[in-house]
Amino acid sequence: MYLIVEENQNCSAEERVFSSSGEEKIVLSVQVETPDSSVSWCDVVGVEESGQFTHAKAVQVEDSGAGLAWLVYGGLWGLRFRKKGDTTEWSLENKRQWGEPFKVLDISAQDIHFQSSSR
């Protein structure tokens, strides 16, 4: 999988190649380090070109440090996060929200809430 995140208003640019396996899954929230250096559960969405929001997704990848891991990714403009419980609309201008190109999380998936397949 060749992941390209363009330079944009949401986050910095990033290009990476990952060896992926399995089917992608829709991600609703993740437990990550926040800009204030705390670790919290956060809602996550993908950001497409021009700031349109879409589902964040995850796929299993090979990680040089950990073996298998989950790659959580969004659109051409990366991922956007807000702390769980914050119900404000998604916005690139909201200072309580932040963007990152992607996240690589532990294969155990303890830090990921996936969309239920029954939805």
C-alpha atoms as a PDB file:
ATOM      1  CA  MET A   1       0.000   0.000   0.000  1.00  0.00           C
ATOM      2  CA  TYR A   2       1.411   3.361  -1.025  1.00  0.00           C
ATOM      3  CA  LEU A   3       0.084   6.037   1.346  1.00  0.00           C
ATOM      4  CA  ILE A   4       0.252   9.663   0.213  1.00  0.00           C
ATOM      5  CA  VAL A   5      -0.923  12.565   2.358  1.00  0.00           C
ATOM      6  CA  GLU A   6      -0.651  15.877   0.541  1.00  0.00           C
ATOM      7  CA  GLU A   7       0.511  19.109   2.212  1.00  0.00           C
ATOM      8  CA  ASN A   8      -2.692  20.705   3.502  1.00  0.00           C
ATOM      9  CA  GLN A   9      -4.481  22.689   6.231  1.00  0.00           C
ATOM     10  CA  ASN A  10      -5.037  19.586   8.391  1.00  0.00           C
ATOM     11  CA  CYS A  11      -1.531  18.104   8.758  1.00  0.00           C
ATOM     12  CA  SER A  12       1.933  17.809   7.271  1.00  0.00           C
ATOM     13  CA  ALA A  13       2.630  15.852   4.097  1.00  0.00           C
ATOM     14  CA  GLU A  14       3.758  12.244   4.319  1.00  0.00           C
ATOM     15  CA  GLU A  15       4.542   9.447   1.869  1.00  0.00           C
ATOM     16  CA  ARG A  16       5.051   5.873   3.049  1.00  0.00           C
ATOM     17  CA  VAL A  17       4.952   2.362   1.668  1.00  0.00           C
ATOM     18  CA  PHE A  18       3.382  -0.370   3.809  1.00  0.00           C
ATOM     19  CA  SER A  19       3.000  -4.080   3.180  1.00  0.00           C
ATOM     20  CA  SER A  20      -0.681  -4.582   3.969  1.00  0.00           C
ATOM     21  CA  SER A  21      -2.770  -7.697   4.472  1.00  0.00           C
ATOM     22  CA  GLY A  22      -6.426  -8.391   5.076  1.00  0.00           C
ATOM     23  CA  GLU A  23      -9.474  -6.255   4.528  1.00  0.00           C
ATOM     24  CA  GLU A  24      -9.769  -2.660   5.626  1.00  0.00           C
ATOM     25  CA  LYS A  25     -12.154  -1.792   8.451  1.00  0.00           C
ATOM     26  CA  ILE A  26     -13.909   1.464   9.324  1.00  0.00           C
ATOM     27  CA  VAL A  27     -12.553   3.086  12.494  1.00  0.00           C
ATOM     28  CA  LEU A  28     -14.751   5.146  14.842  1.00  0.00           C
ATOM     29  CA  SER A  29     -12.283   6.032  17.609  1.00  0.00           C
ATOM     30  CA  VAL A  30      -8.738   5.395  18.791  1.00  0.00           C
ATOM     31  CA  GLN A  31      -6.765   5.816  21.988  1.00  0.00           C
ATOM     32  CA  VAL A  32      -3.844   8.125  21.133  1.00  0.00           C
ATOM     33  CA  GLU A  33      -1.540  10.745  22.552  1.00  0.00           C
ATOM     34  CA  THR A  34      -3.171  14.166  22.273  1.00  0.00           C
ATOM     35  CA  PRO A  35      -1.458  17.524  21.629  1.00  0.00           C
ATOM     36  CA  ASP A  36      -1.413  18.176  25.412  1.00  0.00           C
ATOM     37  CA  SER A  37       0.629  14.920  25.843  1.00  0.00           C
ATOM     38  CA  SER A  38      -2.174  13.015  27.571  1.00  0.00           C
ATOM     39  CA  VAL A  39      -3.467   9.695  26.246  1.00  0.00           C
ATOM     40  CA  SER A  40      -7.198   9.744  25.511  1.00  0.00           C
ATOM     41  CA  TRP A  41      -9.884   8.043  23.486  1.00  0.00           C
ATOM     42  CA  CYS A  42     -10.592  10.233  20.468  1.00  0.00           C
ATOM     43  CA  ASP A  43     -13.099  10.195  17.633  1.00  0.00           C
ATOM     44  CA  VAL A  44     -11.360  10.057  14.276  1.00  0.00           C
ATOM     45  CA  VAL A  45     -12.320  10.784  10.671  1.00  0.00           C
ATOM     46  CA  GLY A  46     -10.491  10.948   7.374  1.00  0.00           C
ATOM     47  CA  VAL A  47     -10.050  14.258   5.596  1.00  0.00           C
ATOM     48  CA  GLU A  48     -10.291  14.381   1.824  1.00  0.00           C
ATOM     49  CA  GLU A  49      -9.050  17.074  -0.517  1.00  0.00           C
ATOM     50  CA  SER A  50     -10.757  20.446   0.095  1.00  0.00           C
ATOM     51  CA  GLY A  51     -11.528  19.522   3.712  1.00  0.00           C
ATOM     52  CA  GLN A  52     -14.374  17.050   3.192  1.00  0.00           C
ATOM     53  CA  PHE A  53     -14.716  14.508   6.022  1.00  0.00           C
ATOM     54  CA  THR A  54     -15.026  10.767   5.495  1.00  0.00           C
ATOM     55  CA  HIS A  55     -14.556   7.518   7.412  1.00  0.00           C
ATOM     56  CA  ALA A  56     -11.162   6.697   8.867  1.00  0.00           C
ATOM     57  CA  LYS A  57     -10.036   3.173   7.961  1.00  0.00           C
ATOM     58  CA  ALA A  58      -7.556   0.611   9.253  1.00  0.00           C
ATOM     59  CA  VAL A  59      -5.714  -2.269   7.668  1.00  0.00           C
ATOM     60  CA  GLN A  60      -3.112  -4.659   9.056  1.00  0.00           C
ATOM     61  CA  VAL A  61       0.439  -3.855   7.962  1.00  0.00           C
ATOM     62  CA  GLU A  62       3.953  -5.083   8.611  1.00  0.00           C
ATOM     63  CA  ASP A  63       5.757  -2.712  10.997  1.00  0.00           C
ATOM     64  CA  SER A  64       9.552  -2.881  11.221  1.00  0.00           C
ATOM     65  CA  GLY A  65       9.511  -2.457  15.002  1.00  0.00           C
ATOM     66  CA  ALA A  66       6.491  -4.458  16.098  1.00  0.00           C
ATOM     67  CA  GLY A  67       5.875  -7.065  13.398  1.00  0.00           C
ATOM     68  CA  LEU A  68       2.183  -6.726  12.551  1.00  0.00           C
ATOM     69  CA  ALA A  69       0.327  -3.518  13.393  1.00  0.00           C
ATOM     70  CA  TRP A  70      -2.808  -1.588  12.427  1.00  0.00           C
ATOM     71  CA  LEU A  71      -2.397   1.336  10.039  1.00  0.00           C
ATOM     72  CA  VAL A  72      -5.173   3.878  10.659  1.00  0.00           C
ATOM     73  CA  TYR A  73      -5.500   6.262   7.729  1.00  0.00           C
ATOM     74  CA  GLY A  74      -7.890   8.745   6.167  1.00  0.00           C
ATOM     75  CA  GLY A  75      -8.015  10.656   2.915  1.00  0.00           C
ATOM     76  CA  LEU A  76      -5.549  12.754   0.923  1.00  0.00           C
ATOM     77  CA  TRP A  77      -5.417  15.195   3.859  1.00  0.00           C
ATOM     78  CA  GLY A  78      -4.899  12.534   6.562  1.00  0.00           C
ATOM     79  CA  LEU A  79      -6.822  12.008   9.813  1.00  0.00           C
ATOM     80  CA  ARG A  80      -8.639  14.454  12.111  1.00  0.00           C
ATOM     81  CA  PHE A  81      -9.113  13.828  15.849  1.00  0.00           C
ATOM     82  CA  ARG A  82     -11.254  15.223  18.668  1.00  0.00           C
ATOM     83  CA  LYS A  83     -11.451  13.976  22.231  1.00  0.00           C
ATOM     84  CA  LYS A  84     -14.280  11.526  22.933  1.00  0.00           C
ATOM     85  CA  GLY A  85     -17.327  13.360  24.248  1.00  0.00           C
ATOM     86  CA  ASP A  86     -16.676  16.522  22.219  1.00  0.00           C
ATOM     87  CA  THR A  87     -19.768  16.802  20.013  1.00  0.00           C
ATOM     88  CA  THR A  88     -18.764  19.886  18.023  1.00  0.00           C
ATOM     89  CA  GLU A  89     -18.920  19.575  14.249  1.00  0.00           C
ATOM     90  CA  TRP A  90     -15.776  18.460  12.455  1.00  0.00           C
ATOM     91  CA  SER A  91     -13.863  21.527  11.295  1.00  0.00           C
ATOM     92  CA  LEU A  92     -10.337  22.343  10.168  1.00  0.00           C
ATOM     93  CA  GLU A  93     -10.632  25.622  12.093  1.00  0.00           C
ATOM     94  CA  ASN A  94     -11.579  24.091  15.477  1.00  0.00           C
ATOM     95  CA  LYS A  95      -8.568  24.463  17.809  1.00  0.00           C
ATOM     96  CA  ARG A  96      -9.757  21.534  19.989  1.00  0.00           C
ATOM     97  CA  GLN A  97      -9.356  19.216  16.998  1.00  0.00           C
ATOM     98  CA  TRP A  98      -6.065  18.275  15.345  1.00  0.00           C
ATOM     99  CA  GLY A  99      -4.773  16.441  12.303  1.00  0.00           C
ATOM    100  CA  GLU A 100      -2.097  13.844  11.627  1.00  0.00           C
ATOM    101  CA  PRO A 101      -1.127  12.014   8.434  1.00  0.00           C
ATOM    102  CA  PHE A 102      -1.808   8.500   9.861  1.00  0.00           C
ATOM    103  CA  LYS A 103      -1.338   6.344  12.966  1.00  0.00           C
ATOM    104  CA  VAL A 104       0.311   2.941  13.399  1.00  0.00           C
ATOM    105  CA  LEU A 105      -1.209   1.143  16.399  1.00  0.00           C
ATOM    106  CA  ASP A 106      -0.637  -2.165  18.164  1.00  0.00           C
ATOM    107  CA  ILE A 107      -1.937  -5.303  16.460  1.00  0.00           C
ATOM    108  CA  SER A 108      -3.985  -6.201  19.565  1.00  0.00           C
ATOM    109  CA  ALA A 109      -6.462  -3.454  18.503  1.00  0.00           C
ATOM    110  CA  GLN A 110      -7.053  -2.568  22.175  1.00  0.00           C
ATOM    111  CA  ASP A 111      -6.635   1.082  21.164  1.00  0.00           C
ATOM    112  CA  ILE A 112      -9.121   0.952  18.276  1.00  0.00           C
ATOM    113  CA  HIS A 113     -12.925   0.911  18.146  1.00  0.00           C
ATOM    114  CA  PHE A 114     -14.060  -0.418  14.782  1.00  0.00           C
ATOM    115  CA  GLN A 115     -17.498   0.104  13.258  1.00  0.00           C
ATOM    116  CA  SER A 116     -19.629  -2.941  13.950  1.00  0.00           C
ATOM    117  CA  SER A 117     -20.163  -5.117  10.883  1.00  0.00           C
ATOM    118  CA  SER A 118     -23.895  -5.161  11.655  1.00  0.00           C
ATOM    119  CA  ARG A 119     -24.251  -1.424  10.944  1.00  0.00           C
END
